Amino acid sequence: MHEWALAEGVVTAALDAAAKQKLVRVTKLVVRVGALQRISPDFFRKALSSVLPEDDPRLESVEFELSAEPAVMGCRGCGHTFEPGQAGDLDADQLEAIHFIPELAHGYLSCPKCESSDFDVRQGRGIWLDAVEGER
């Protein structure tokens, strides 16, 4: 369950950001989740809550705001940008494979405009802490 490791990374980054901003209380963490991560927002929210350090009062009543970033590919041949759903139907196994190794998308997808499989993932990968809000 890599969600817990990702959640721990977000919480560690949030504590570092809170220290740099000299926050005495963190009220909200804004987290962006790339669509290629294939993580349930509810499940990830539970993972975030479960890894909060119990002995740190800065995070006692923190709220999590999760937002999804759609996956967008960019064709190197013709410059067309597209979402995976526009480039063909993927089954659950293919989506899972792309989740773990995004470069496998080249074996399953092609540009809907020129049919090239030479594209890059422009967005939709990873998880990051977008903002830390709180009180000084």
Protein backbone atom coordinates (compact mmCIF):
# COMPACT_ATOMS: atom_id res chain seq x y z
CA MET A 1 0.00 0.00 0.00
CA HIS A 2 2.07 2.86 -1.29
CA GLU A 3 -0.61 5.35 -0.29
CA TRP A 4 0.75 5.43 3.26
CA ALA A 5 4.28 6.18 2.05
CA LEU A 6 2.92 8.95 -0.16
CA ALA A 7 0.85 10.31 2.74
CA GLU A 8 3.92 10.30 5.00
CA GLY A 9 5.80 12.28 2.36
CA VAL A 10 3.01 14.86 2.15
CA VAL A 11 2.86 15.23 5.94
CA THR A 12 6.65 15.59 6.19
CA ALA A 13 6.62 18.25 3.47
CA ALA A 14 3.74 20.01 5.24
CA LEU A 15 5.62 20.12 8.54
CA ASP A 16 8.70 21.50 6.79
CA ALA A 17 6.57 24.16 5.06
CA ALA A 18 4.83 25.02 8.35
CA ALA A 19 8.20 25.50 10.05
CA LYS A 20 9.46 27.75 7.21
CA GLN A 21 6.26 29.80 7.34
CA LYS A 22 6.43 29.89 11.17
CA LEU A 23 2.90 28.51 11.48
CA VAL A 24 1.76 27.55 14.97
CA ARG A 25 -1.31 25.78 13.59
CA VAL A 26 -1.91 24.26 10.16
CA THR A 27 -5.55 24.59 9.11
CA LYS A 28 -5.46 23.20 5.58
CA LEU A 29 -3.24 21.13 3.32
CA VAL A 30 -3.99 21.40 -0.39
CA VAL A 31 -2.79 18.26 -2.16
CA ARG A 32 -2.80 17.60 -5.92
CA VAL A 33 -3.08 14.01 -7.09
CA GLY A 34 -2.17 13.07 -10.64
CA ALA A 35 -4.72 10.87 -12.40
CA LEU A 36 -2.03 8.35 -13.32
CA GLN A 37 -1.51 7.66 -9.60
CA ARG A 38 -4.91 5.92 -9.56
CA ILE A 39 -5.53 6.73 -5.91
CA SER A 40 -8.97 6.98 -4.38
CA PRO A 41 -9.32 10.43 -2.77
CA ASP A 42 -11.27 8.98 0.17
CA PHE A 43 -8.66 6.28 0.74
CA PHE A 44 -5.80 8.78 0.47
CA ARG A 45 -7.56 11.16 2.88
CA LYS A 46 -7.73 8.29 5.42
CA ALA A 47 -4.04 7.52 4.84
CA LEU A 48 -3.16 11.18 5.44
CA SER A 49 -5.17 11.23 8.68
CA SER A 50 -3.59 8.01 9.88
CA VAL A 51 0.01 9.22 9.48
CA LEU A 52 -0.43 12.55 11.28
CA PRO A 53 1.96 12.70 14.23
CA GLU A 54 -0.06 12.56 17.43
CA ASP A 55 2.47 14.64 19.36
CA ASP A 56 2.46 17.66 17.03
CA PRO A 57 -0.23 20.20 17.97
CA ARG A 58 0.24 22.09 14.68
CA LEU A 59 -1.74 19.40 12.85
CA GLU A 60 -4.50 18.70 15.40
CA SER A 61 -7.39 19.96 13.29
CA VAL A 62 -5.94 20.08 9.80
CA GLU A 63 -8.31 19.84 6.85
CA PHE A 64 -7.26 18.08 3.65
CA GLU A 65 -8.26 19.48 0.29
CA LEU A 66 -7.51 16.99 -2.47
CA SER A 67 -7.80 17.85 -6.13
CA ALA A 68 -7.17 15.69 -9.15
CA GLU A 69 -4.89 16.64 -11.98
CA PRO A 70 -5.96 14.98 -15.24
CA ALA A 71 -3.44 13.08 -17.31
CA VAL A 72 -2.37 14.93 -20.45
CA MET A 73 -0.06 13.57 -23.11
CA GLY A 74 1.79 15.58 -25.75
CA CYS A 75 2.68 14.09 -29.13
CA ARG A 76 6.28 14.72 -30.08
CA GLY A 77 5.47 14.22 -33.76
CA CYS A 78 2.62 16.62 -34.38
CA GLY A 79 2.41 18.57 -31.10
CA HIS A 80 -1.19 17.51 -30.38
CA THR A 81 -2.14 17.24 -26.69
CA PHE A 82 -4.59 14.60 -25.57
CA GLU A 83 -5.93 12.71 -22.59
CA PRO A 84 -5.50 8.93 -22.42
CA GLY A 85 -9.23 8.36 -22.99
CA GLN A 86 -8.98 10.14 -26.35
CA ALA A 87 -6.24 7.78 -27.51
CA GLY A 88 -8.02 4.46 -27.04
CA ASP A 89 -9.88 2.37 -24.52
CA LEU A 90 -7.77 0.96 -21.71
CA ASP A 91 -8.81 -1.94 -19.50
CA ALA A 92 -8.12 -2.13 -15.76
CA ASP A 93 -4.92 -4.16 -16.22
CA GLN A 94 -3.50 -1.67 -18.70
CA LEU A 95 -4.35 1.27 -16.44
CA GLU A 96 -2.69 -0.51 -13.52
CA ALA A 97 0.44 -1.14 -15.59
CA ILE A 98 0.60 2.53 -16.60
CA HIS A 99 0.10 3.51 -12.97
CA PHE A 100 3.26 1.67 -11.92
CA ILE A 101 5.29 2.38 -15.06
CA PRO A 102 3.87 5.41 -16.91
CA GLU A 103 6.21 4.80 -19.85
CA LEU A 104 4.14 1.69 -20.67
CA ALA A 105 1.49 4.06 -21.99
CA HIS A 106 3.49 4.10 -25.25
CA GLY A 107 2.60 0.45 -25.76
CA TYR A 108 -1.13 1.01 -25.28
CA LEU A 109 -1.81 4.50 -26.61
CA SER A 110 -1.15 6.53 -29.71
CA CYS A 111 -1.83 10.12 -30.70
CA PRO A 112 -5.45 10.40 -31.88
CA LYS A 113 -4.37 12.94 -34.51
CA CYS A 114 -1.34 11.32 -36.19
CA GLU A 115 -1.33 7.82 -34.55
CA SER A 116 2.24 8.19 -33.32
CA SER A 117 3.16 6.45 -30.08
CA ASP A 118 5.96 8.98 -29.53
CA PHE A 119 4.50 11.22 -26.82
CA ASP A 120 5.36 12.39 -23.36
CA VAL A 121 3.31 12.65 -20.20
CA ARG A 122 2.85 16.39 -19.65
CA GLN A 123 0.74 16.22 -16.52
CA GLY A 124 -1.07 13.76 -14.30
CA ARG A 125 1.88 12.06 -12.63
CA GLY A 126 2.74 12.25 -8.97
CA ILE A 127 1.36 13.76 -5.81
CA TRP A 128 2.44 17.08 -4.39
CA LEU A 129 1.65 19.51 -1.66
CA ASP A 130 0.21 22.55 -3.41
CA ALA A 131 -0.37 24.77 -0.36
CA VAL A 132 -0.10 24.84 3.41
CA GLU A 133 -2.47 27.24 5.16
CA GLY A 134 -2.44 28.09 8.82
CA GLU A 135 -2.03 30.57 11.63
CA ARG A 136 1.12 32.32 12.82
